[in-house]
Amino acid sequence: MNQTVDPLHGLRVAVTVDDQFQWTGIPFPEGHGPKSVSRAMIEAFANHNVPEVYAFNSTAPTDESPGDLSILDDWCAAGHHVGNHTHQHVSLNWLDVETYLGDVDKSEEILRPWLEKAPSRYFRYAFAMDGDTLDKTRQVQTHLTRTGYLSSPVTLWFYDAQFAVAYQRALALSDREAQKWLEDELVRTAVDQTRRQAAAAASAIGRSPAHILLIHGTTVAGATLDRILAELANLGVEYITSEEAMRDPANAIGSPLTTRKFRNASQKWAEFAGVALDDVPPAILDDVEEVAKIDGQSWNEVLGGATAEWAKRIPFTPVPADFH
């Protein structure tokens, strides 16, 4: 009898973290912050033998809280590494190349003491948006090459940032039932989305590549990461380093699709190859928006307010349609 093999069985995954300081205009909820979340993540990685995790941080939030950078000392002491993720976290779609590269270099200046400790120099595009035109992408990649960076793609994600906004509402309301529901659903969604996206990538590429998973440094991520890693490991996922993942041409070369849309590399491969990718993004996000509602604090309103704040620092016009 033929049995379908779970796409997660034997899947090689490098875990990465983005935005340990969150984002300008989206502060941590009261009683939580970069230090507590980072500590929880370090413990979760140790529990599940997840090696050498790169943290890609936009550094603008540390302009007002420079002391938060000290978490990177503990991060590196635990055997993990730091990469560049721009300073202000603005999409390349919304900026000219010169301004974008200035933002990359500004983050380099801040993070240099920790970047120099890493075995590889990795850069990650803000929002995983590597340019709305091929020419823009080539110009940025040329600068990265000249400054010794490799672009680290995201091939797997599970929309945890949307959960983070709802979780912050639940914390503000002291709604423990909502907190638990969000935690449970994030764990379930993480496994389901990883499975769907890995299957699509294998179908589009013709083999199962090594993957690079993203989770954000948010409060809900700190509360659930241990469970997520345990579930994936129980289903056969093998945790590897980013260096091992980047030896796979699928990651070193990247996807063949240029788009301004909010897509990870597996989604881009699927679109390029005409592979259907059902429930990505997941329908559960509609339910997440209905949890612990507070006027003015939906995902779109919070993100919109944050990008308006960023535009005070770097003039640009956000394009909300890029996220759909």
Protein backbone atom coordinates (compact mmCIF):
# COMPACT_ATOMS: atom_id res chain seq x y z
CA MET A 1 0.00 0.00 0.00
CA ASN A 2 1.34 3.43 -0.96
CA GLN A 3 1.50 5.87 1.91
CA THR A 4 2.02 9.59 1.51
CA VAL A 5 5.27 10.74 3.11
CA ASP A 6 4.91 13.76 5.36
CA PRO A 7 6.92 16.64 3.78
CA LEU A 8 8.26 17.40 7.26
CA HIS A 9 9.95 14.00 7.62
CA GLY A 10 13.67 14.50 7.01
CA LEU A 11 13.24 18.19 6.23
CA ARG A 12 16.44 20.10 6.96
CA VAL A 13 15.71 23.50 8.47
CA ALA A 14 17.92 26.35 9.64
CA VAL A 15 16.04 28.48 12.15
CA THR A 16 16.48 32.26 12.11
CA VAL A 17 15.00 35.11 14.14
CA ASP A 18 14.06 38.58 12.89
CA ASP A 19 13.51 41.82 14.78
CA GLN A 20 14.44 41.08 18.37
CA PHE A 21 13.82 44.76 19.13
CA GLN A 22 10.48 44.66 17.30
CA TRP A 23 9.89 47.76 15.20
CA THR A 24 9.78 51.53 15.64
CA GLY A 25 6.18 52.38 16.47
CA ILE A 26 5.36 48.86 17.72
CA PRO A 27 6.75 48.63 21.26
CA PHE A 28 6.70 45.52 23.42
CA PRO A 29 3.76 45.10 25.78
CA GLU A 30 4.25 46.20 29.37
CA GLY A 31 6.30 43.73 31.37
CA HIS A 32 7.93 42.22 28.29
CA GLY A 33 10.89 43.16 26.13
CA PRO A 34 13.86 42.02 24.05
CA LYS A 35 15.71 40.55 27.03
CA SER A 36 12.91 38.27 28.26
CA VAL A 37 12.03 37.07 24.75
CA SER A 38 15.66 36.48 23.80
CA ARG A 39 16.23 34.50 27.00
CA ALA A 40 13.20 32.30 26.27
CA MET A 41 14.40 31.67 22.73
CA ILE A 42 17.94 30.79 23.80
CA GLU A 43 16.47 28.25 26.22
CA ALA A 44 14.17 26.78 23.55
CA PHE A 45 17.06 26.40 21.09
CA ALA A 46 19.12 24.62 23.74
CA ASN A 47 16.23 22.30 24.57
CA HIS A 48 15.95 21.13 20.97
CA ASN A 49 19.57 21.28 19.82
CA VAL A 50 18.95 24.08 17.33
CA PRO A 51 22.42 25.26 16.31
CA GLU A 52 23.86 28.70 15.64
CA VAL A 53 20.73 30.76 15.03
CA TYR A 54 21.20 34.04 13.17
CA ALA A 55 19.23 37.03 14.45
CA PHE A 56 18.44 39.65 11.81
CA ASN A 57 17.57 42.88 13.56
CA SER A 58 16.45 46.22 12.26
CA THR A 59 18.27 48.54 14.63
CA ALA A 60 16.14 51.72 14.62
CA PRO A 61 14.38 50.83 17.91
CA THR A 62 17.77 50.95 19.66
CA ASP A 63 18.15 54.63 18.79
CA GLU A 64 15.91 55.32 21.78
CA SER A 65 16.89 52.24 23.82
CA PRO A 66 20.59 51.60 23.10
CA GLY A 67 20.83 49.42 26.19
CA ASP A 68 18.75 46.78 24.42
CA LEU A 69 21.78 45.97 22.25
CA SER A 70 23.27 44.16 25.26
CA ILE A 71 21.00 41.18 24.56
CA LEU A 72 23.26 40.44 21.59
CA ASP A 73 26.12 39.72 24.00
CA ASP A 74 24.09 36.96 25.64
CA TRP A 75 22.87 35.79 22.22
CA CYS A 76 26.40 35.34 20.91
CA ALA A 77 27.63 33.86 24.19
CA ALA A 78 25.00 31.13 23.75
CA GLY A 79 26.54 30.21 20.38
CA HIS A 80 24.20 32.18 18.12
CA HIS A 81 24.97 34.90 15.59
CA VAL A 82 23.86 38.29 14.27
CA GLY A 83 23.06 39.47 10.74
CA ASN A 84 22.10 42.77 9.10
CA HIS A 85 18.44 43.58 8.43
CA THR A 86 18.61 47.33 7.64
CA HIS A 87 18.20 50.07 10.22
CA GLN A 88 14.60 51.20 9.73
CA HIS A 89 13.03 48.05 8.19
CA VAL A 90 11.62 49.80 5.12
CA SER A 91 10.84 47.72 2.02
CA LEU A 92 13.19 48.13 -0.93
CA ASN A 93 10.01 48.56 -3.01
CA TRP A 94 9.41 51.94 -1.35
CA LEU A 95 12.91 53.42 -1.52
CA ASP A 96 15.49 54.31 -4.13
CA VAL A 97 18.58 52.10 -4.05
CA GLU A 98 20.91 54.76 -2.63
CA THR A 99 18.65 55.42 0.36
CA TYR A 100 18.15 51.72 0.99
CA LEU A 101 21.87 51.01 0.94
CA GLY A 102 22.47 53.91 3.32
CA ASP A 103 20.06 52.22 5.71
CA VAL A 104 21.93 48.92 5.35
CA ASP A 105 25.23 50.63 6.09
CA LYS A 106 23.78 52.46 9.11
CA SER A 107 22.78 49.15 10.68
CA GLU A 108 26.23 47.78 9.89
CA GLU A 109 27.80 50.58 11.95
CA ILE A 110 25.63 49.72 14.96
CA LEU A 111 25.93 45.94 14.74
CA ARG A 112 29.59 45.67 13.72
CA PRO A 113 30.86 44.33 17.10
CA TRP A 114 28.48 41.36 16.83
CA LEU A 115 28.60 40.93 13.05
CA GLU A 116 32.34 40.43 13.29
CA LYS A 117 31.84 37.45 15.63
CA ALA A 118 29.70 35.51 13.15
CA PRO A 119 31.25 32.86 10.87
CA SER A 120 29.34 34.35 7.90
CA ARG A 121 28.16 37.84 6.97
CA TYR A 122 24.46 37.51 6.22
CA PHE A 123 21.97 40.19 5.21
CA ARG A 124 18.20 39.83 5.09
CA TYR A 125 15.89 42.15 3.17
CA ALA A 126 13.22 43.92 5.22
CA PHE A 127 9.90 42.10 4.75
CA ALA A 128 11.87 39.61 2.59
CA MET A 129 11.20 42.07 -0.27
CA ASP A 130 14.31 41.98 -2.44
CA GLY A 131 13.15 44.52 -4.99
CA ASP A 132 10.21 45.27 -7.24
CA THR A 133 12.48 45.35 -10.29
CA LEU A 134 15.38 43.13 -11.28
CA ASP A 135 17.59 46.19 -11.74
CA LYS A 136 17.01 47.29 -8.15
CA THR A 137 17.80 43.82 -6.87
CA ARG A 138 21.03 43.68 -8.90
CA GLN A 139 22.19 47.05 -7.57
CA VAL A 140 21.63 46.02 -3.98
CA GLN A 141 23.20 42.61 -4.52
CA THR A 142 26.24 44.31 -6.06
CA HIS A 143 26.65 46.39 -2.90
CA LEU A 144 26.21 43.33 -0.71
CA THR A 145 28.90 41.51 -2.67
CA ARG A 146 31.29 44.44 -2.36
CA THR A 147 30.74 44.64 1.39
CA GLY A 148 31.06 40.89 1.92
CA TYR A 149 27.44 40.00 2.59
CA LEU A 150 25.43 37.00 1.45
CA SER A 151 21.67 37.46 1.21
CA SER A 152 19.90 35.04 3.55
CA PRO A 153 16.44 34.25 2.17
CA VAL A 154 13.37 33.20 4.09
CA THR A 155 11.89 30.00 2.69
CA LEU A 156 9.44 29.18 5.49
CA TRP A 157 7.32 31.43 7.69
CA PHE A 158 3.99 31.18 9.44
CA TYR A 159 2.71 34.76 9.83
CA ASP A 160 3.60 35.00 13.49
CA ALA A 161 3.79 38.81 13.37
CA GLN A 162 0.01 38.95 12.89
CA PHE A 163 -0.39 36.73 15.94
CA ALA A 164 1.96 39.04 17.85
CA VAL A 165 -0.32 42.06 17.44
CA ALA A 166 -3.36 40.10 18.64
CA TYR A 167 -1.34 38.69 21.54
CA GLN A 168 -0.37 42.18 22.62
CA ARG A 169 -4.06 43.10 22.68
CA ALA A 170 -4.83 40.04 24.79
CA LEU A 171 -2.06 40.95 27.23
CA ALA A 172 -3.32 44.53 27.46
CA LEU A 173 -6.79 43.23 28.30
CA SER A 174 -5.46 40.54 30.69
CA ASP A 175 -7.49 38.07 28.63
CA ARG A 176 -5.85 34.78 29.54
CA GLU A 177 -8.30 32.71 27.51
CA ALA A 178 -7.41 34.70 24.38
CA GLN A 179 -3.70 34.36 25.15
CA LYS A 180 -3.98 30.58 25.38
CA TRP A 181 -6.03 30.33 22.18
CA LEU A 182 -3.48 32.42 20.29
CA GLU A 183 -0.58 30.38 21.62
CA ASP A 184 -2.24 27.07 20.68
CA GLU A 185 -3.25 28.31 17.24
CA LEU A 186 0.20 29.70 16.52
CA VAL A 187 1.78 26.32 17.28
CA ARG A 188 -0.75 24.58 15.04
CA THR A 189 -0.34 27.17 12.28
CA ALA A 190 3.46 26.97 12.43
CA VAL A 191 3.41 23.24 11.77
CA ASP A 192 0.73 23.45 9.08
CA GLN A 193 2.36 26.33 7.20
CA THR A 194 5.80 24.73 7.35
CA ARG A 195 4.37 21.53 5.89
CA ARG A 196 2.46 23.31 3.10
CA GLN A 197 5.32 25.56 2.07
CA ALA A 198 7.91 22.77 2.16
CA ALA A 199 5.68 20.59 -0.03
CA ALA A 200 5.18 23.43 -2.52
CA ALA A 201 8.91 24.14 -2.71
CA ALA A 202 9.70 20.47 -3.34
CA SER A 203 7.10 20.30 -6.10
CA ALA A 204 8.28 23.52 -7.73
CA ILE A 205 12.01 22.76 -7.56
CA GLY A 206 11.77 19.03 -8.16
CA ARG A 207 13.49 18.07 -4.92
CA SER A 208 13.29 18.94 -1.24
CA PRO A 209 15.83 21.73 -0.58
CA ALA A 210 17.28 22.79 2.72
CA HIS A 211 15.09 25.48 4.26
CA ILE A 212 15.51 28.67 6.26
CA LEU A 213 12.71 29.29 8.74
CA LEU A 214 11.79 32.68 10.16
CA ILE A 215 10.24 33.52 13.50
CA HIS A 216 10.09 37.03 14.92
CA GLY A 217 11.41 38.11 18.30
CA THR A 218 7.99 38.89 19.71
CA THR A 219 6.33 38.09 23.01
CA VAL A 220 4.06 35.40 21.56
CA ALA A 221 7.06 33.82 19.82
CA GLY A 222 8.92 33.66 23.12
CA ALA A 223 5.89 31.99 24.69
CA THR A 224 5.49 29.33 21.98
CA LEU A 225 8.87 28.67 20.36
CA ASP A 226 9.72 25.72 22.59
CA ARG A 227 6.46 24.00 21.63
CA ILE A 228 6.87 24.79 17.93
CA LEU A 229 10.39 23.37 17.81
CA ALA A 230 9.27 20.25 19.70
CA GLU A 231 6.35 19.63 17.34
CA LEU A 232 8.50 20.02 14.22
CA ALA A 233 11.23 17.79 15.62
CA ASN A 234 8.69 15.10 16.55
CA LEU A 235 7.48 15.14 12.94
CA GLY A 236 10.98 14.53 11.61
CA VAL A 237 12.46 17.99 11.04
CA GLU A 238 16.26 18.14 11.38
CA TYR A 239 17.72 21.44 12.59
CA ILE A 240 20.83 22.61 10.73
CA THR A 241 22.98 25.74 10.60
CA SER A 242 22.40 28.60 8.19
CA GLU A 243 25.78 27.81 6.64
CA GLU A 244 24.59 24.30 5.79
CA ALA A 245 21.31 25.64 4.40
CA MET A 246 23.15 28.21 2.29
CA ARG A 247 25.17 25.47 0.63
CA ASP A 248 21.97 24.51 -1.16
CA PRO A 249 21.77 26.36 -4.50
CA ALA A 250 18.07 27.03 -3.89
CA ASN A 251 19.12 29.37 -1.10
CA ALA A 252 22.47 30.61 -2.40
CA ILE A 253 21.03 31.57 -5.80
CA GLY A 254 17.48 32.35 -4.73
CA SER A 255 14.14 32.13 -6.46
CA PRO A 256 13.71 33.02 -10.15
CA LEU A 257 10.71 35.30 -9.57
CA THR A 258 10.88 39.08 -9.19
CA THR A 259 7.81 40.48 -7.47
CA ARG A 260 6.89 43.38 -5.23
CA LYS A 261 4.50 41.15 -3.27
CA PHE A 262 5.07 39.89 0.28
CA ARG A 263 6.29 36.39 -0.53
CA ASN A 264 8.95 34.12 0.86
CA ALA A 265 11.23 32.16 -1.46
CA SER A 266 9.06 29.01 -1.41
CA GLN A 267 6.00 31.07 -2.38
CA LYS A 268 7.99 32.69 -5.19
CA TRP A 269 9.11 29.31 -6.49
CA ALA A 270 5.53 28.05 -6.37
CA GLU A 271 4.24 31.06 -8.33
CA PHE A 272 7.05 30.72 -10.86
CA ALA A 273 6.36 27.00 -11.38
CA GLY A 274 2.56 27.27 -11.28
CA VAL A 275 2.28 25.15 -8.13
CA ALA A 276 -0.89 25.71 -6.11
CA LEU A 277 -0.29 26.76 -2.53
CA ASP A 278 -3.56 26.47 -0.63
CA ASP A 279 -4.24 28.34 2.62
CA VAL A 280 -1.09 30.46 2.41
CA PRO A 281 -1.49 32.92 4.03
CA PRO A 282 -3.71 30.93 6.39
CA ALA A 283 -7.41 31.64 6.80
CA ILE A 284 -6.94 31.50 10.58
CA LEU A 285 -5.59 35.05 10.40
CA ASP A 286 -9.16 36.29 9.98
CA ASP A 287 -10.05 34.68 13.30
CA VAL A 288 -6.90 36.06 14.91
CA GLU A 289 -8.05 39.57 14.02
CA GLU A 290 -11.27 39.00 15.96
CA VAL A 291 -9.52 38.04 19.20
CA ALA A 292 -9.21 40.55 22.07
CA LYS A 293 -10.28 43.41 19.83
CA ILE A 294 -9.24 46.96 20.72
CA ASP A 295 -10.21 49.93 18.57
CA GLY A 296 -7.32 51.08 16.40
CA GLN A 297 -5.21 48.00 17.06
CA SER A 298 -5.94 45.65 14.19
CA TRP A 299 -2.94 44.26 12.33
CA ASN A 300 -3.39 46.67 9.42
CA GLU A 301 -3.84 49.66 11.73
CA VAL A 302 -0.79 48.83 13.83
CA LEU A 303 1.40 48.20 10.78
CA GLY A 304 0.05 51.33 9.11
CA GLY A 305 0.85 53.42 12.17
CA ALA A 306 4.35 51.99 12.33
CA THR A 307 5.13 52.67 8.67
CA ALA A 308 3.87 56.23 9.12
CA GLU A 309 6.36 56.59 11.97
CA TRP A 310 9.17 55.20 9.80
CA ALA A 311 8.33 57.70 7.07
CA LYS A 312 9.17 60.51 9.49
CA ARG A 313 12.74 59.18 9.55
CA ILE A 314 13.16 58.11 5.93
CA PRO A 315 10.77 59.77 3.47
CA PHE A 316 8.81 57.16 1.53
CA THR A 317 5.26 56.24 0.60
CA PRO A 318 4.13 52.83 1.88
CA VAL A 319 2.17 50.64 -0.51
CA PRO A 320 -0.19 48.47 1.58
CA ALA A 321 -1.17 46.48 -1.50
CA ASP A 322 2.32 44.94 -1.49
CA PHE A 323 1.24 42.79 1.45
CA HIS A 324 -1.62 41.13 -0.42
